[in-house]
Amino acid sequence: MFDDLFNNLKGFIDSKLQEVSNDLQKRFGVPEPAEPFVLIRRFTPADSTVTRGGIAIVGESWRIEAYDDNTQLLLTSTDPLRNVILFEIAELDVQESYILHLYVQPQVK
């Protein structure tokens, strides 16, 4: 008797989890592209950034200093220490687009 109740409860939970998973996939899933992906722009350290100070070129990447410039009196954990704009691109003339950003965590010495 308890085995039947347990199996029924387990089946119910599994079906609800599957429904939630399907709903999340519909909402946040990346749709299949109608055409192959096309690279629109690739930025390299040779390109100048919008924000000038506190950005150093290290090899093939940028090192961004995230220091506090004492402009904020009350700092919370969600407030950034500094806003940095690397690049701006013109509005694209495409139906749908995604911006891919590759972040590599620096090695701590």
N, C-alpha and C. Protein backbone atom coordinates (compact mmCIF):
# COMPACT_ATOMS: atom_id res chain seq x y z
N MET A 1 0.80 -1.18 0.00
CA MET A 1 0.00 0.00 0.00
C MET A 1 0.86 1.26 0.00
N PHE A 2 1.86 1.30 0.90
CA PHE A 2 2.72 2.47 0.95
C PHE A 2 3.59 2.57 -0.30
N ASP A 3 3.94 1.41 -0.85
CA ASP A 3 4.73 1.42 -2.08
C ASP A 3 3.92 2.05 -3.22
N ASP A 4 2.64 1.74 -3.30
CA ASP A 4 1.79 2.34 -4.34
C ASP A 4 1.67 3.85 -4.15
N LEU A 5 1.47 4.28 -2.91
CA LEU A 5 1.39 5.72 -2.63
C LEU A 5 2.70 6.42 -2.99
N PHE A 6 3.81 5.80 -2.61
CA PHE A 6 5.11 6.37 -2.91
C PHE A 6 5.33 6.47 -4.42
N ASN A 7 5.02 5.41 -5.15
CA ASN A 7 5.20 5.41 -6.60
C ASN A 7 4.29 6.42 -7.28
N ASN A 8 3.06 6.56 -6.78
CA ASN A 8 2.15 7.56 -7.34
C ASN A 8 2.68 8.98 -7.09
N LEU A 9 3.16 9.22 -5.87
CA LEU A 9 3.71 10.53 -5.55
C LEU A 9 4.96 10.81 -6.38
N LYS A 10 5.80 9.82 -6.53
CA LYS A 10 7.02 9.98 -7.33
C LYS A 10 6.65 10.26 -8.79
N GLY A 11 5.68 9.55 -9.33
CA GLY A 11 5.25 9.79 -10.71
C GLY A 11 4.66 11.19 -10.89
N PHE A 12 3.90 11.65 -9.89
CA PHE A 12 3.32 12.98 -9.95
C PHE A 12 4.42 14.05 -9.94
N ILE A 13 5.39 13.90 -9.05
CA ILE A 13 6.49 14.87 -8.96
C ILE A 13 7.30 14.87 -10.24
N ASP A 14 7.60 13.69 -10.78
CA ASP A 14 8.35 13.60 -12.04
C ASP A 14 7.62 14.29 -13.18
N SER A 15 6.31 14.11 -13.27
CA SER A 15 5.55 14.74 -14.36
C SER A 15 5.52 16.25 -14.20
N LYS A 16 5.39 16.74 -12.96
CA LYS A 16 5.40 18.19 -12.73
C LYS A 16 6.76 18.79 -13.05
N LEU A 17 7.83 18.09 -12.67
CA LEU A 17 9.17 18.57 -13.00
C LEU A 17 9.38 18.63 -14.52
N GLN A 18 8.87 17.64 -15.23
CA GLN A 18 8.97 17.64 -16.68
C GLN A 18 8.18 18.80 -17.29
N GLU A 19 7.00 19.10 -16.75
CA GLU A 19 6.20 20.23 -17.23
C GLU A 19 6.95 21.54 -17.01
N VAL A 20 7.54 21.72 -15.83
CA VAL A 20 8.29 22.94 -15.54
C VAL A 20 9.50 23.05 -16.47
N SER A 21 10.18 21.95 -16.69
CA SER A 21 11.33 21.95 -17.58
C SER A 21 10.92 22.33 -19.00
N ASN A 22 9.83 21.78 -19.48
CA ASN A 22 9.34 22.12 -20.83
C ASN A 22 8.94 23.59 -20.92
N ASP A 23 8.30 24.10 -19.87
CA ASP A 23 7.89 25.50 -19.86
C ASP A 23 9.11 26.42 -19.88
N LEU A 24 10.14 26.10 -19.09
CA LEU A 24 11.36 26.90 -19.09
C LEU A 24 12.06 26.84 -20.45
N GLN A 25 12.06 25.69 -21.06
CA GLN A 25 12.68 25.55 -22.39
C GLN A 25 11.96 26.42 -23.41
N LYS A 26 10.62 26.47 -23.33
CA LYS A 26 9.86 27.31 -24.26
C LYS A 26 10.17 28.78 -24.04
N ARG A 27 10.27 29.18 -22.77
CA ARG A 27 10.48 30.60 -22.46
C ARG A 27 11.90 31.07 -22.72
N PHE A 28 12.87 30.27 -22.35
CA PHE A 28 14.26 30.72 -22.37
C PHE A 28 15.14 29.97 -23.35
N GLY A 29 14.61 29.02 -24.05
CA GLY A 29 15.42 28.25 -24.98
C GLY A 29 15.78 29.07 -26.21
N VAL A 30 16.91 28.77 -26.78
CA VAL A 30 17.35 29.44 -28.00
C VAL A 30 16.69 28.75 -29.18
N PRO A 31 15.95 29.51 -30.00
CA PRO A 31 15.29 28.87 -31.14
C PRO A 31 16.29 28.42 -32.19
N GLU A 32 15.90 27.46 -32.97
CA GLU A 32 16.75 27.00 -34.06
C GLU A 32 16.83 28.10 -35.12
N PRO A 33 18.02 28.42 -35.59
CA PRO A 33 18.14 29.49 -36.58
C PRO A 33 17.61 29.06 -37.94
N ALA A 34 17.04 30.04 -38.65
CA ALA A 34 16.54 29.77 -40.01
C ALA A 34 17.70 29.66 -40.99
N GLU A 35 18.80 30.35 -40.68
CA GLU A 35 19.99 30.34 -41.52
C GLU A 35 21.20 30.06 -40.64
N PRO A 36 22.34 29.74 -41.24
CA PRO A 36 23.55 29.54 -40.42
C PRO A 36 23.96 30.83 -39.72
N PHE A 37 24.66 30.68 -38.60
CA PHE A 37 25.14 31.84 -37.88
C PHE A 37 26.15 32.60 -38.72
N VAL A 38 26.10 33.91 -38.62
CA VAL A 38 27.01 34.78 -39.36
C VAL A 38 27.70 35.69 -38.36
N LEU A 39 29.02 35.71 -38.39
CA LEU A 39 29.78 36.60 -37.53
C LEU A 39 29.63 38.02 -38.06
N ILE A 40 29.13 38.91 -37.22
CA ILE A 40 28.92 40.30 -37.63
C ILE A 40 30.13 41.16 -37.28
N ARG A 41 30.68 40.96 -36.09
CA ARG A 41 31.82 41.78 -35.67
C ARG A 41 32.58 41.04 -34.60
N ARG A 42 33.88 41.06 -34.68
CA ARG A 42 34.75 40.50 -33.65
C ARG A 42 35.67 41.61 -33.18
N PHE A 43 35.75 41.81 -31.87
CA PHE A 43 36.59 42.85 -31.32
C PHE A 43 37.89 42.24 -30.84
N THR A 44 38.98 42.96 -31.07
CA THR A 44 40.30 42.52 -30.64
C THR A 44 40.93 43.64 -29.83
N PRO A 45 42.03 43.37 -29.14
CA PRO A 45 42.70 44.45 -28.41
C PRO A 45 43.18 45.59 -29.31
N ALA A 46 43.24 45.39 -30.60
CA ALA A 46 43.62 46.48 -31.50
C ALA A 46 42.51 47.52 -31.63
N ASP A 47 41.26 47.16 -31.32
CA ASP A 47 40.14 48.10 -31.37
C ASP A 47 40.15 48.98 -30.12
N SER A 48 39.85 50.27 -30.29
CA SER A 48 39.81 51.15 -29.12
C SER A 48 38.48 50.99 -28.40
N THR A 49 38.53 51.09 -27.08
CA THR A 49 37.34 50.93 -26.25
C THR A 49 36.68 52.28 -26.02
N VAL A 50 35.39 52.26 -25.66
CA VAL A 50 34.67 53.49 -25.37
C VAL A 50 35.19 54.09 -24.07
N THR A 51 35.27 53.29 -23.02
CA THR A 51 35.86 53.74 -21.75
C THR A 51 37.36 53.70 -21.91
N ARG A 52 38.01 54.79 -21.58
CA ARG A 52 39.45 54.91 -21.83
C ARG A 52 40.32 54.47 -20.65
N GLY A 53 40.04 54.95 -19.46
CA GLY A 53 40.93 54.69 -18.34
C GLY A 53 40.68 53.36 -17.66
N GLY A 54 41.74 52.80 -17.07
CA GLY A 54 41.60 51.59 -16.28
C GLY A 54 41.48 50.31 -17.07
N ILE A 55 41.79 50.35 -18.36
CA ILE A 55 41.74 49.15 -19.20
C ILE A 55 43.13 48.95 -19.78
N ALA A 56 43.72 47.80 -19.52
CA ALA A 56 45.04 47.49 -20.03
C ALA A 56 44.96 46.30 -20.97
N ILE A 57 45.79 46.30 -21.98
CA ILE A 57 45.87 45.17 -22.91
C ILE A 57 46.94 44.22 -22.40
N VAL A 58 46.53 42.98 -22.17
CA VAL A 58 47.44 41.95 -21.68
C VAL A 58 47.37 40.80 -22.66
N GLY A 59 48.38 40.65 -23.50
CA GLY A 59 48.36 39.60 -24.52
C GLY A 59 47.24 39.83 -25.51
N GLU A 60 46.34 38.88 -25.61
CA GLU A 60 45.20 38.96 -26.53
C GLU A 60 43.90 39.27 -25.80
N SER A 61 43.99 39.93 -24.63
CA SER A 61 42.79 40.22 -23.85
C SER A 61 42.91 41.58 -23.17
N TRP A 62 41.83 41.98 -22.51
CA TRP A 62 41.80 43.24 -21.78
C TRP A 62 41.78 42.94 -20.29
N ARG A 63 42.49 43.73 -19.52
CA ARG A 63 42.40 43.66 -18.06
C ARG A 63 41.72 44.94 -17.61
N ILE A 64 40.59 44.80 -16.92
CA ILE A 64 39.79 45.94 -16.51
C ILE A 64 39.94 46.13 -15.00
N GLU A 65 40.37 47.30 -14.61
CA GLU A 65 40.52 47.62 -13.19
C GLU A 65 39.15 47.97 -12.64
N ALA A 66 38.75 47.31 -11.56
CA ALA A 66 37.43 47.55 -10.94
C ALA A 66 37.63 48.23 -9.60
N TYR A 67 38.19 49.42 -9.63
CA TYR A 67 38.45 50.15 -8.39
C TYR A 67 37.28 51.06 -8.05
N ASP A 68 37.23 51.46 -6.80
CA ASP A 68 36.19 52.38 -6.32
C ASP A 68 36.75 53.79 -6.42
N ASP A 69 36.07 54.65 -7.17
CA ASP A 69 36.53 56.03 -7.32
C ASP A 69 35.90 56.97 -6.29
N ASN A 70 35.30 56.40 -5.23
CA ASN A 70 34.72 57.16 -4.11
C ASN A 70 33.60 58.10 -4.52
N THR A 71 32.88 57.79 -5.60
CA THR A 71 31.75 58.61 -6.00
C THR A 71 30.47 58.14 -5.34
N GLN A 72 30.43 56.91 -4.84
CA GLN A 72 29.24 56.39 -4.17
C GLN A 72 29.52 56.33 -2.68
N LEU A 73 28.63 56.95 -1.90
CA LEU A 73 28.83 56.94 -0.46
C LEU A 73 28.37 55.64 0.17
N LEU A 74 27.24 55.09 -0.30
CA LEU A 74 26.71 53.86 0.24
C LEU A 74 26.81 52.78 -0.82
N LEU A 75 27.63 51.80 -0.58
CA LEU A 75 27.87 50.75 -1.56
C LEU A 75 27.19 49.47 -1.09
N THR A 76 26.33 48.91 -1.91
CA THR A 76 25.70 47.63 -1.59
C THR A 76 26.36 46.55 -2.43
N SER A 77 26.05 45.31 -2.14
CA SER A 77 26.69 44.20 -2.84
C SER A 77 26.28 44.11 -4.30
N THR A 78 25.15 44.74 -4.69
CA THR A 78 24.72 44.67 -6.08
C THR A 78 25.18 45.88 -6.90
N ASP A 79 25.72 46.90 -6.25
CA ASP A 79 26.20 48.07 -6.98
C ASP A 79 27.58 47.79 -7.56
N PRO A 80 27.79 48.11 -8.82
CA PRO A 80 29.13 47.91 -9.38
C PRO A 80 30.09 48.96 -8.85
N LEU A 81 31.34 48.60 -8.72
CA LEU A 81 32.34 49.57 -8.33
C LEU A 81 32.59 50.56 -9.46
N ARG A 82 32.41 50.09 -10.68
CA ARG A 82 32.72 50.90 -11.84
C ARG A 82 31.99 50.34 -13.05
N ASN A 83 31.43 51.21 -13.87
CA ASN A 83 30.82 50.79 -15.13
C ASN A 83 31.83 50.99 -16.25
N VAL A 84 31.99 49.96 -17.06
CA VAL A 84 32.94 50.01 -18.16
C VAL A 84 32.20 49.67 -19.44
N ILE A 85 32.31 50.54 -20.44
CA ILE A 85 31.74 50.27 -21.75
C ILE A 85 32.90 49.94 -22.67
N LEU A 86 32.93 48.69 -23.13
CA LEU A 86 34.03 48.30 -24.01
C LEU A 86 33.79 48.79 -25.44
N PHE A 87 32.65 48.41 -26.02
CA PHE A 87 32.40 48.74 -27.42
C PHE A 87 30.93 49.04 -27.62
N GLU A 88 30.64 49.76 -28.67
CA GLU A 88 29.27 49.98 -29.11
C GLU A 88 29.19 49.54 -30.56
N ILE A 89 28.07 48.91 -30.89
CA ILE A 89 27.86 48.52 -32.27
C ILE A 89 26.57 49.17 -32.75
N ALA A 90 26.51 49.45 -34.03
CA ALA A 90 25.31 50.04 -34.61
C ALA A 90 24.18 49.02 -34.55
N GLU A 91 22.96 49.50 -34.56
CA GLU A 91 21.82 48.60 -34.54
C GLU A 91 21.85 47.72 -35.78
N LEU A 92 21.62 46.44 -35.56
CA LEU A 92 21.71 45.48 -36.65
C LEU A 92 20.43 45.41 -37.45
N ASP A 93 20.57 45.19 -38.72
CA ASP A 93 19.42 45.05 -39.61
C ASP A 93 19.15 43.56 -39.83
N VAL A 94 18.84 42.87 -38.75
CA VAL A 94 18.56 41.44 -38.81
C VAL A 94 17.31 41.15 -37.99
N GLN A 95 16.67 40.02 -38.27
CA GLN A 95 15.46 39.64 -37.55
C GLN A 95 15.75 39.36 -36.08
N GLU A 96 16.66 38.45 -35.81
CA GLU A 96 17.04 38.09 -34.45
C GLU A 96 18.54 38.04 -34.38
N SER A 97 19.07 38.44 -33.23
CA SER A 97 20.52 38.38 -33.08
C SER A 97 20.86 38.06 -31.63
N TYR A 98 22.00 37.48 -31.45
CA TYR A 98 22.54 37.17 -30.13
C TYR A 98 23.95 37.70 -30.07
N ILE A 99 24.30 38.23 -28.92
CA ILE A 99 25.67 38.69 -28.71
C ILE A 99 26.34 37.66 -27.82
N LEU A 100 27.46 37.17 -28.28
CA LEU A 100 28.22 36.17 -27.54
C LEU A 100 29.42 36.85 -26.92
N HIS A 101 29.58 36.66 -25.63
CA HIS A 101 30.69 37.24 -24.90
C HIS A 101 31.44 36.10 -24.21
N LEU A 102 32.72 36.01 -24.46
CA LEU A 102 33.54 34.97 -23.85
C LEU A 102 34.34 35.59 -22.73
N TYR A 103 34.14 35.09 -21.53
CA TYR A 103 34.86 35.57 -20.36
C TYR A 103 35.75 34.46 -19.86
N VAL A 104 37.02 34.78 -19.66
CA VAL A 104 37.97 33.80 -19.14
C VAL A 104 38.42 34.28 -17.77
N GLN A 105 38.17 33.47 -16.75
CA GLN A 105 38.56 33.82 -15.39
C GLN A 105 40.08 33.82 -15.29
N PRO A 106 40.65 34.93 -14.83
CA PRO A 106 42.12 34.98 -14.70
C PRO A 106 42.60 34.02 -13.62
N GLN A 107 43.79 33.53 -13.79
CA GLN A 107 44.38 32.64 -12.82
C GLN A 107 44.90 33.45 -11.63
N VAL A 108 44.50 33.06 -10.43
CA VAL A 108 44.96 33.74 -9.21
C VAL A 108 46.30 33.15 -8.80
N LYS A 109 47.25 34.03 -8.58
CA LYS A 109 48.62 33.56 -8.23
C LYS A 109 48.80 33.53 -6.74
